[in-house]
């Protein structure tokens, strides 16, 4: 069995699960590290999960629907199920955050994403969307005129 606390590398992002609630459909918690200028997931929503992010160090730009904030250590923001959200780190230092989901999407989601992203060459967007869909994530439509 895989150690749920092992660090998962999905591209430039690091995910370290602290509580994997996916097997019991309960709350989950993981630590997310986002280096400066990292490739990050596209704007998306969750069909089954509420999510809350709490920044531990650095600054993380976080958007939920039409609100964008630069969250410093000690600040939080939540994205209710169905809201379109995304994050980035356009700053000079790495950002580290605690992410809580209810119910949890699970560490396996990030392992599946990591296998697509780490396959070599540019990521297969269709394969990434298939993984997202399997776990109830919905990529957001591009903004009008984009």
Protein backbone atom coordinates (compact mmCIF):
# COMPACT_ATOMS: atom_id res chain seq x y z
CA UNK A 1 0.00 0.00 0.00
CA UNK A 2 1.22 3.51 -0.81
CA UNK A 3 2.11 5.79 2.08
CA UNK A 4 -0.61 8.51 2.05
CA UNK A 5 1.84 11.01 3.58
CA UNK A 6 4.39 10.55 0.76
CA UNK A 7 4.95 13.67 -1.32
CA UNK A 8 3.30 13.54 -4.73
CA UNK A 9 4.95 15.61 -7.46
CA UNK A 10 2.53 16.79 -10.14
CA UNK A 11 4.69 18.85 -12.45
CA UNK A 12 6.18 21.62 -10.33
CA UNK A 13 3.61 21.24 -7.55
CA UNK A 14 4.13 19.14 -4.42
CA UNK A 15 1.20 17.57 -2.58
CA UNK A 16 1.65 15.88 0.80
CA UNK A 17 -1.51 14.24 2.09
CA UNK A 18 -2.08 14.49 5.83
CA UNK A 19 -5.60 13.01 5.92
CA UNK A 20 -6.99 11.04 2.95
CA UNK A 21 -10.72 10.90 3.52
CA UNK A 22 -11.60 9.61 0.06
CA UNK A 23 -12.15 6.02 1.17
CA UNK A 24 -14.68 7.04 3.82
CA UNK A 25 -16.21 9.99 1.95
CA UNK A 26 -15.10 12.31 4.73
CA UNK A 27 -12.90 15.38 5.09
CA UNK A 28 -9.35 15.35 3.71
CA UNK A 29 -6.34 17.58 4.22
CA UNK A 30 -3.10 18.05 2.30
CA UNK A 31 -0.17 20.43 2.15
CA UNK A 32 0.37 22.08 -1.24
CA UNK A 33 3.67 23.70 -2.25
CA UNK A 34 3.62 26.03 -5.26
CA UNK A 35 6.99 27.32 -6.52
CA UNK A 36 7.12 30.77 -8.15
CA UNK A 37 5.80 30.81 -11.72
CA UNK A 38 4.64 27.16 -11.62
CA UNK A 39 2.29 25.62 -14.11
CA UNK A 40 -0.97 25.21 -12.22
CA UNK A 41 -4.34 23.57 -12.93
CA UNK A 42 -6.73 25.48 -15.16
CA UNK A 43 -9.72 27.27 -13.61
CA UNK A 44 -12.17 24.56 -12.58
CA UNK A 45 -15.03 23.68 -10.27
CA UNK A 46 -15.78 20.61 -8.17
CA UNK A 47 -19.11 18.81 -8.48
CA UNK A 48 -18.73 16.99 -5.15
CA UNK A 49 -16.25 18.90 -2.98
CA UNK A 50 -16.07 22.10 -0.94
CA UNK A 51 -12.50 23.35 -0.56
CA UNK A 52 -10.76 25.70 1.86
CA UNK A 53 -7.18 26.92 1.56
CA UNK A 54 -5.05 28.32 4.39
CA UNK A 55 -1.67 29.80 3.48
CA UNK A 56 1.19 28.64 5.73
CA UNK A 57 4.04 30.60 4.10
CA UNK A 58 4.65 32.81 1.10
CA UNK A 59 1.83 34.38 -0.91
CA UNK A 60 -0.64 32.55 -3.11
CA UNK A 61 -2.95 34.24 -5.61
CA UNK A 62 -6.36 32.56 -5.27
CA UNK A 63 -9.51 33.23 -7.26
CA UNK A 64 -13.05 32.09 -6.58
CA UNK A 65 -15.61 33.08 -9.20
CA UNK A 66 -15.05 36.85 -9.71
CA UNK A 67 -12.97 37.47 -6.57
CA UNK A 68 -9.16 37.30 -6.64
CA UNK A 69 -6.99 37.80 -3.56
CA UNK A 70 -3.29 37.53 -2.79
CA UNK A 71 -3.30 35.40 0.35
CA UNK A 72 -0.36 35.78 2.75
CA UNK A 73 0.52 33.44 5.58
CA UNK A 74 -2.41 33.12 7.98
CA UNK A 75 -5.05 34.05 5.39
CA UNK A 76 -7.75 31.78 4.03
CA UNK A 77 -10.29 31.54 1.24
CA UNK A 78 -12.89 28.92 0.42
CA UNK A 79 -14.40 27.64 -2.79
CA UNK A 80 -17.82 26.06 -2.33
CA UNK A 81 -18.85 23.15 -4.51
CA UNK A 82 -19.67 24.42 -8.02
CA UNK A 83 -17.64 27.66 -7.78
CA UNK A 84 -14.92 28.24 -10.37
CA UNK A 85 -11.55 28.61 -8.70
CA UNK A 86 -7.84 28.64 -9.48
CA UNK A 87 -4.52 29.53 -7.89
CA UNK A 88 -1.10 30.73 -8.96
CA UNK A 89 2.17 31.96 -7.53
CA UNK A 90 3.41 35.01 -9.48
CA UNK A 91 5.63 35.99 -6.55
CA UNK A 92 9.37 35.50 -5.85
CA UNK A 93 9.11 32.92 -3.05
CA UNK A 94 7.49 29.48 -2.88
CA UNK A 95 4.03 29.35 -1.32
CA UNK A 96 2.89 26.58 0.98
CA UNK A 97 -0.75 26.07 1.91
CA UNK A 98 -2.97 23.69 3.81
CA UNK A 99 -5.95 22.55 1.73
CA UNK A 100 -9.04 20.98 3.28
CA UNK A 101 -11.72 19.31 1.17
CA UNK A 102 -15.09 17.93 2.18
CA UNK A 103 -15.64 15.28 1.09
CA UNK A 104 -12.07 14.58 0.06
CA UNK A 105 -11.06 14.05 -3.55
CA UNK A 106 -8.18 11.84 -2.36
CA UNK A 107 -4.46 11.42 -2.95
CA UNK A 108 -5.08 9.08 -5.89
CA UNK A 109 -6.39 12.00 -7.95
CA UNK A 110 -3.03 13.74 -7.64
CA UNK A 111 -1.15 10.52 -8.42
CA UNK A 112 -3.25 10.12 -11.57
CA UNK A 113 -2.55 13.74 -12.59
CA UNK A 114 1.17 13.24 -11.86
CA UNK A 115 1.29 10.21 -14.15
CA UNK A 116 -0.15 12.24 -17.05
CA UNK A 117 2.02 15.31 -16.39
CA UNK A 118 5.16 13.21 -15.88
CA UNK A 119 4.74 11.12 -19.05
CA UNK A 120 7.26 13.25 -20.95
CA UNK A 121 6.69 16.01 -23.45
CA UNK A 122 3.82 18.48 -23.19
CA UNK A 123 0.98 17.21 -20.99
CA UNK A 124 -1.81 15.41 -22.87
CA UNK A 125 -4.71 17.83 -22.28
CA UNK A 126 -7.35 15.23 -23.20
CA UNK A 127 -5.86 12.78 -20.68
CA UNK A 128 -5.78 15.48 -17.99
CA UNK A 129 -9.41 16.40 -18.65
CA UNK A 130 -10.33 12.70 -18.46
CA UNK A 131 -8.67 12.44 -15.01
CA UNK A 132 -10.37 15.63 -13.83
CA UNK A 133 -13.77 14.40 -15.04
CA UNK A 134 -13.34 11.01 -13.36
CA UNK A 135 -12.91 12.80 -10.01
CA UNK A 136 -15.73 15.33 -10.48
CA UNK A 137 -13.67 18.35 -11.56
CA UNK A 138 -15.03 20.49 -14.38
CA UNK A 139 -12.66 22.74 -16.37
CA UNK A 140 -14.14 26.23 -16.69
CA UNK A 141 -15.06 27.61 -20.09
CA UNK A 142 -12.59 30.24 -21.33
CA UNK A 143 -13.74 33.83 -20.78
CA UNK A 144 -15.73 35.36 -23.62
CA UNK A 145 -13.46 36.82 -26.27
CA UNK A 146 -10.45 34.74 -25.17
